Amino acid sequence: MNEKTAGRLLILTAAVLWSTNGLFAKAPLFADWPAEIDGMPVRGPLLAFWRALFAALVILPFVRRPRWRIQLVPMVLAYAAMNYTFLNALTLTNEANAIWLQNTAPMWVFLIGVLVFGEPVHPRDRWLLGCSVLGIGLILWFEVRGQSPVGVAYGLGGGITYAGVVLSLRYLRTEDGAWLMLLNNLVTAVLFFPFVLHHGIWPSGGQTLCLTAFGMIQMGLPYLLFARGLRYVAGHEATGIVLLEPILVPVWVYLAWRHVPSYEFPQWWTLIGGVFILLGLVARYGLVGPEKLRA
């Protein structure tokens, strides 16, 4: 297996692990945490703090070469901003909108990565990008109607900041990936900690176990894999592969929580949009032999 193929498999694994987000965020264990207090979101920031904290703990033992560089500042700011904008999108529009708006990132990564950083482009990348644009565009066309324009703006901001994180990790690919993600999650946890203190809502024993898995399995481990995969794969290709995440999210939620009264089956446009994205991935990787997959 060559380095590029290994990098793609690492990113694919990261996408599958990231897609377990709904298993944890929708868990009935957290039903006693208020979604809002006085119109302000509460559950989302609480989950973000604990997820970042436990992600940092699982990443810490893997850090080998911590080194401070001024180039780390844009990455840390983009990561913190990504959490902030995504959480606001979650509270001001529905979860599906927030996830799909954040996954407009491949377009930004492609434009910035190719035009600014000179990332290599393979002819089949255009199939992946084109089908992704069609799929996400179809979903958003139906989803954002009647939604809060501020929520949609935050969701688009989440896509831009997510692109900033990907480009930063790609630019810093010679650095220790574990160190980069430890720094990102520690800063995020520090920023949300005053919020936790202010509301004084602390997890029970069962919730703590769930939050530990949330941070370690859904956040910490996949970011380690993603950062390592970006050493060998261009940013726009990586974000295209990661589009498997929002496709798999409703699958895991359906399998785990379909019996919960608040569960909603995905709309037809989400299913068709997901098919477009899968077609793009098949056109990029599935219709070629092993020797061409190395390209």
Protein backbone atom coordinates (compact mmCIF):
# COMPACT_ATOMS: atom_id res chain seq x y z
CA MET A 1 0.00 0.00 0.00
CA ASN A 2 1.49 3.35 -1.02
CA GLU A 3 1.38 6.48 1.12
CA LYS A 4 -1.48 8.15 -0.75
CA THR A 5 -3.72 5.09 -0.48
CA ALA A 6 -2.87 4.77 3.22
CA GLY A 7 -3.70 8.47 3.70
CA ARG A 8 -7.09 8.00 2.06
CA LEU A 9 -7.88 5.03 4.28
CA LEU A 10 -6.93 7.04 7.37
CA ILE A 11 -9.25 9.88 6.31
CA LEU A 12 -12.04 7.42 5.46
CA THR A 13 -11.75 5.87 8.91
CA ALA A 14 -11.84 9.34 10.47
CA ALA A 15 -15.05 10.13 8.56
CA VAL A 16 -16.73 6.94 9.82
CA LEU A 17 -15.76 7.73 13.42
CA TRP A 18 -16.89 11.37 13.09
CA SER A 19 -20.24 10.16 11.81
CA THR A 20 -21.03 8.67 15.24
CA ASN A 21 -21.73 12.24 16.39
CA GLY A 22 -25.48 11.66 16.40
CA LEU A 23 -25.17 8.53 18.54
CA PHE A 24 -23.81 10.66 21.37
CA ALA A 25 -25.47 14.05 20.81
CA LYS A 26 -28.92 12.45 20.47
CA ALA A 27 -28.48 10.01 23.36
CA PRO A 28 -31.48 10.02 25.75
CA LEU A 29 -28.93 10.18 28.60
CA PHE A 30 -28.74 13.95 28.10
CA ALA A 31 -32.47 14.59 28.00
CA ASP A 32 -32.29 16.21 31.46
CA TRP A 33 -29.82 18.84 30.23
CA PRO A 34 -31.81 21.90 29.10
CA ALA A 35 -31.49 22.66 25.41
CA GLU A 36 -31.87 26.38 26.16
CA ILE A 37 -32.06 28.73 29.14
CA ASP A 38 -33.62 32.15 28.58
CA GLY A 39 -33.37 31.63 24.84
CA MET A 40 -29.65 30.86 24.94
CA PRO A 41 -28.24 27.45 23.92
CA VAL A 42 -26.96 25.34 26.79
CA ARG A 43 -26.73 21.66 25.86
CA GLY A 44 -24.60 22.25 22.76
CA PRO A 45 -21.84 24.23 24.52
CA LEU A 46 -21.85 21.75 27.43
CA LEU A 47 -21.35 18.83 25.05
CA ALA A 48 -18.65 20.79 23.19
CA PHE A 49 -16.67 21.39 26.39
CA TRP A 50 -16.69 17.77 27.56
CA ARG A 51 -16.03 16.43 24.08
CA ALA A 52 -13.00 18.70 23.65
CA LEU A 53 -11.73 17.88 27.15
CA PHE A 54 -11.85 14.10 26.69
CA ALA A 55 -10.49 14.41 23.14
CA ALA A 56 -7.47 16.24 24.56
CA LEU A 57 -6.97 13.49 27.15
CA VAL A 58 -6.92 10.71 24.56
CA ILE A 59 -4.56 12.68 22.30
CA LEU A 60 -2.08 13.65 25.04
CA PRO A 61 -0.18 10.31 25.22
CA PHE A 62 0.48 10.47 21.45
CA VAL A 63 2.24 13.85 21.50
CA ARG A 64 5.90 13.43 20.60
CA ARG A 65 7.19 16.70 19.15
CA PRO A 66 5.46 19.73 20.70
CA ARG A 67 6.75 22.90 19.11
CA TRP A 68 5.37 26.42 19.11
CA ARG A 69 5.19 28.31 15.82
CA ILE A 70 3.36 31.51 14.98
CA GLN A 71 1.64 29.57 12.16
CA LEU A 72 -0.28 27.66 14.83
CA VAL A 73 -2.34 30.75 15.67
CA PRO A 74 -4.57 30.70 12.53
CA MET A 75 -5.21 26.98 13.04
CA VAL A 76 -6.24 27.38 16.70
CA LEU A 77 -8.45 30.37 15.89
CA ALA A 78 -10.10 28.54 12.98
CA TYR A 79 -10.76 25.48 15.16
CA ALA A 80 -12.30 27.53 17.96
CA ALA A 81 -14.35 29.55 15.46
CA MET A 82 -15.53 26.32 13.82
CA ASN A 83 -16.91 25.08 17.15
CA TYR A 84 -18.54 28.44 17.85
CA THR A 85 -20.21 28.85 14.45
CA PHE A 86 -21.33 25.22 14.24
CA LEU A 87 -22.90 25.30 17.70
CA ASN A 88 -24.73 28.53 16.90
CA ALA A 89 -25.99 26.97 13.67
CA LEU A 90 -27.25 23.98 15.67
CA THR A 91 -29.30 26.26 17.92
CA LEU A 92 -30.61 28.64 15.26
CA THR A 93 -31.46 26.07 12.58
CA ASN A 94 -31.97 22.32 12.61
CA GLU A 95 -29.20 19.75 12.93
CA ALA A 96 -29.35 18.63 9.30
CA ASN A 97 -28.88 22.20 8.08
CA ALA A 98 -25.93 22.76 10.41
CA ILE A 99 -24.15 19.60 9.27
CA TRP A 100 -24.69 20.17 5.56
CA LEU A 101 -23.85 23.86 5.71
CA GLN A 102 -20.60 23.00 7.46
CA ASN A 103 -19.86 20.50 4.72
CA THR A 104 -19.74 23.22 2.08
CA ALA A 105 -16.07 23.21 3.18
CA PRO A 106 -14.80 21.16 0.17
CA MET A 107 -15.63 24.06 -2.16
CA TRP A 108 -13.70 26.54 -0.02
CA VAL A 109 -10.80 24.12 0.43
CA PHE A 110 -10.67 23.51 -3.32
CA LEU A 111 -10.68 27.20 -4.22
CA ILE A 112 -8.19 28.30 -1.57
CA GLY A 113 -6.03 25.18 -1.70
CA VAL A 114 -5.64 25.22 -5.47
CA LEU A 115 -5.50 28.98 -6.11
CA VAL A 116 -3.49 30.04 -3.04
CA PHE A 117 -1.47 27.01 -1.95
CA GLY A 118 -1.09 25.32 -5.34
CA GLU A 119 -2.58 21.98 -4.25
CA PRO A 120 -2.41 19.32 -7.00
CA VAL A 121 -5.66 18.62 -8.87
CA HIS A 122 -6.47 15.28 -10.48
CA PRO A 123 -8.97 15.29 -13.40
CA ARG A 124 -11.32 13.01 -11.42
CA ASP A 125 -11.37 15.52 -8.55
CA ARG A 126 -13.80 17.57 -10.62
CA TRP A 127 -16.31 14.71 -10.56
CA LEU A 128 -16.07 14.54 -6.79
CA LEU A 129 -16.44 18.30 -6.39
CA GLY A 130 -19.23 18.64 -8.98
CA CYS A 131 -21.37 15.83 -7.56
CA SER A 132 -20.79 17.13 -4.04
CA VAL A 133 -21.95 20.61 -5.03
CA LEU A 134 -25.09 19.14 -6.64
CA GLY A 135 -25.87 16.94 -3.65
CA ILE A 136 -25.31 19.58 -0.99
CA GLY A 137 -27.05 22.22 -3.12
CA LEU A 138 -30.16 20.06 -3.47
CA ILE A 139 -30.30 19.42 0.27
CA LEU A 140 -29.82 23.06 1.20
CA TRP A 141 -32.35 24.25 -1.38
CA PHE A 142 -35.10 22.42 0.51
CA GLU A 143 -33.69 22.59 4.03
CA VAL A 144 -32.91 26.28 4.50
CA ARG A 145 -36.27 27.62 3.34
CA GLY A 146 -38.06 29.19 6.27
CA GLN A 147 -35.04 28.78 8.52
CA SER A 148 -33.38 31.60 10.43
CA PRO A 149 -31.11 33.56 8.04
CA VAL A 150 -28.77 34.14 10.98
CA GLY A 151 -28.61 30.38 11.59
CA VAL A 152 -27.84 29.76 7.91
CA ALA A 153 -25.11 32.42 8.04
CA TYR A 154 -23.56 30.70 11.06
CA GLY A 155 -23.74 27.38 9.21
CA LEU A 156 -21.92 28.81 6.20
CA GLY A 157 -19.40 30.31 8.63
CA GLY A 158 -18.94 26.81 10.01
CA GLY A 159 -18.06 25.59 6.52
CA ILE A 160 -15.53 28.36 5.99
CA THR A 161 -13.87 27.86 9.36
CA TYR A 162 -13.83 24.08 8.88
CA ALA A 163 -12.02 24.71 5.59
CA GLY A 164 -9.57 26.88 7.52
CA VAL A 165 -8.87 23.99 9.91
CA VAL A 166 -8.27 21.56 7.03
CA LEU A 167 -5.96 23.96 5.18
CA SER A 168 -4.07 24.72 8.39
CA LEU A 169 -3.54 21.03 9.17
CA ARG A 170 -2.43 20.44 5.58
CA TYR A 171 -0.01 23.38 5.73
CA LEU A 172 1.39 22.17 9.07
CA ARG A 173 1.56 18.51 7.99
CA THR A 174 5.26 18.23 8.89
CA GLU A 175 4.41 19.00 12.53
CA ASP A 176 3.34 16.42 15.08
CA GLY A 177 -0.35 15.88 14.31
CA ALA A 178 -1.11 14.86 17.89
CA TRP A 179 0.39 18.11 19.16
CA LEU A 180 -1.72 20.17 16.75
CA MET A 181 -4.97 18.48 17.80
CA LEU A 182 -4.09 18.60 21.50
CA LEU A 183 -3.60 22.35 21.22
CA ASN A 184 -6.86 22.80 19.29
CA ASN A 185 -8.97 20.86 21.79
CA LEU A 186 -7.33 22.38 24.87
CA VAL A 187 -8.05 25.89 23.61
CA THR A 188 -11.65 24.93 22.83
CA ALA A 189 -12.12 23.40 26.30
CA VAL A 190 -10.64 26.48 27.99
CA LEU A 191 -12.95 28.79 26.04
CA PHE A 192 -16.08 26.82 27.01
CA PHE A 193 -15.12 26.15 30.63
CA PRO A 194 -16.45 29.50 32.00
CA PHE A 195 -19.80 28.61 30.42
CA VAL A 196 -19.85 25.29 32.31
CA LEU A 197 -18.97 27.01 35.59
CA HIS A 198 -21.66 29.63 35.06
CA HIS A 199 -24.46 27.09 34.60
CA GLY A 200 -23.12 24.55 37.10
CA ILE A 201 -24.46 21.55 35.16
CA TRP A 202 -22.24 18.51 35.76
CA PRO A 203 -22.56 15.02 34.26
CA SER A 204 -23.68 11.96 36.19
CA GLY A 205 -21.69 8.71 36.16
CA GLY A 206 -23.44 7.32 33.08
CA GLN A 207 -23.22 10.63 31.29
CA THR A 208 -19.51 10.85 32.05
CA LEU A 209 -18.89 7.46 30.43
CA CYS A 210 -20.84 8.55 27.35
CA LEU A 211 -18.98 11.87 27.18
CA THR A 212 -15.65 10.06 27.52
CA ALA A 213 -16.49 7.92 24.49
CA PHE A 214 -17.83 11.02 22.70
CA GLY A 215 -14.54 12.88 23.09
CA MET A 216 -12.18 9.96 22.56
CA ILE A 217 -13.91 7.94 19.83
CA GLN A 218 -15.87 10.61 17.93
CA MET A 219 -13.43 13.53 18.24
CA GLY A 220 -9.93 12.73 19.46
CA LEU A 221 -9.05 9.56 17.58
CA PRO A 222 -10.50 10.58 14.18
CA TYR A 223 -8.69 13.94 14.24
CA LEU A 224 -5.43 12.09 14.88
CA LEU A 225 -6.13 9.90 11.84
CA PHE A 226 -7.25 12.87 9.75
CA ALA A 227 -4.16 14.95 10.54
CA ARG A 228 -1.89 12.04 9.61
CA GLY A 229 -3.82 11.34 6.41
CA LEU A 230 -3.42 14.98 5.33
CA ARG A 231 0.32 14.41 5.09
CA TYR A 232 -0.29 12.46 1.88
CA VAL A 233 -3.66 13.69 0.55
CA ALA A 234 -4.56 17.15 -0.78
CA GLY A 235 -7.01 19.15 1.33
CA HIS A 236 -9.82 19.28 -1.22
CA GLU A 237 -9.65 15.53 -1.76
CA ALA A 238 -9.67 14.90 2.00
CA THR A 239 -12.79 17.03 2.57
CA GLY A 240 -14.46 15.21 -0.33
CA ILE A 241 -13.85 11.84 1.34
CA VAL A 242 -15.11 13.22 4.65
CA LEU A 243 -18.49 13.93 3.01
CA LEU A 244 -19.26 10.34 3.96
CA GLU A 245 -19.71 11.66 7.51
CA PRO A 246 -23.01 13.55 7.05
CA ILE A 247 -24.31 10.65 4.93
CA LEU A 248 -23.62 8.14 7.71
CA VAL A 249 -24.86 10.35 10.59
CA PRO A 250 -28.59 9.63 10.00
CA VAL A 251 -27.81 5.93 9.47
CA TRP A 252 -26.29 5.51 12.94
CA VAL A 253 -28.98 7.69 14.53
CA TYR A 254 -31.69 5.58 12.89
CA LEU A 255 -30.12 2.30 14.02
CA ALA A 256 -29.63 3.51 17.60
CA TRP A 257 -32.45 5.94 18.38
CA ARG A 258 -35.30 5.26 15.91
CA HIS A 259 -37.45 4.14 18.85
CA VAL A 260 -37.07 7.54 20.57
CA PRO A 261 -40.26 9.64 20.10
CA SER A 262 -38.31 12.71 18.94
CA TYR A 263 -36.63 10.81 16.08
CA GLU A 264 -37.33 12.12 12.55
CA PHE A 265 -36.60 10.09 9.41
CA PRO A 266 -34.48 11.98 6.82
CA GLN A 267 -36.38 13.77 4.06
CA TRP A 268 -36.29 12.54 0.47
CA TRP A 269 -34.04 15.38 -0.67
CA THR A 270 -31.44 14.41 1.93
CA LEU A 271 -31.43 10.86 0.61
CA ILE A 272 -31.12 11.95 -3.04
CA GLY A 273 -28.43 14.50 -2.17
CA GLY A 274 -26.52 11.77 -0.40
CA VAL A 275 -26.74 9.60 -3.52
CA PHE A 276 -25.18 12.42 -5.59
CA ILE A 277 -22.28 12.64 -3.14
CA LEU A 278 -21.80 8.87 -3.21
CA LEU A 279 -21.79 8.98 -7.02
CA GLY A 280 -19.02 11.57 -6.85
CA LEU A 281 -16.98 9.35 -4.56
CA VAL A 282 -17.54 6.33 -6.84
CA ALA A 283 -16.55 8.37 -9.91
CA ARG A 284 -13.38 9.49 -8.14
CA TYR A 285 -12.32 6.15 -6.65
CA GLY A 286 -14.64 3.29 -7.55
CA LEU A 287 -14.36 3.11 -11.34
CA VAL A 288 -10.58 2.74 -11.53
CA GLY A 289 -8.16 -0.11 -11.04
CA PRO A 290 -5.72 -0.36 -8.14
CA GLU A 291 -2.87 0.99 -10.25
CA LYS A 292 -4.82 4.18 -11.08
CA LEU A 293 -6.08 4.59 -7.53
CA ARG A 294 -2.55 5.62 -6.63
CA ALA A 295 -2.94 8.80 -8.70
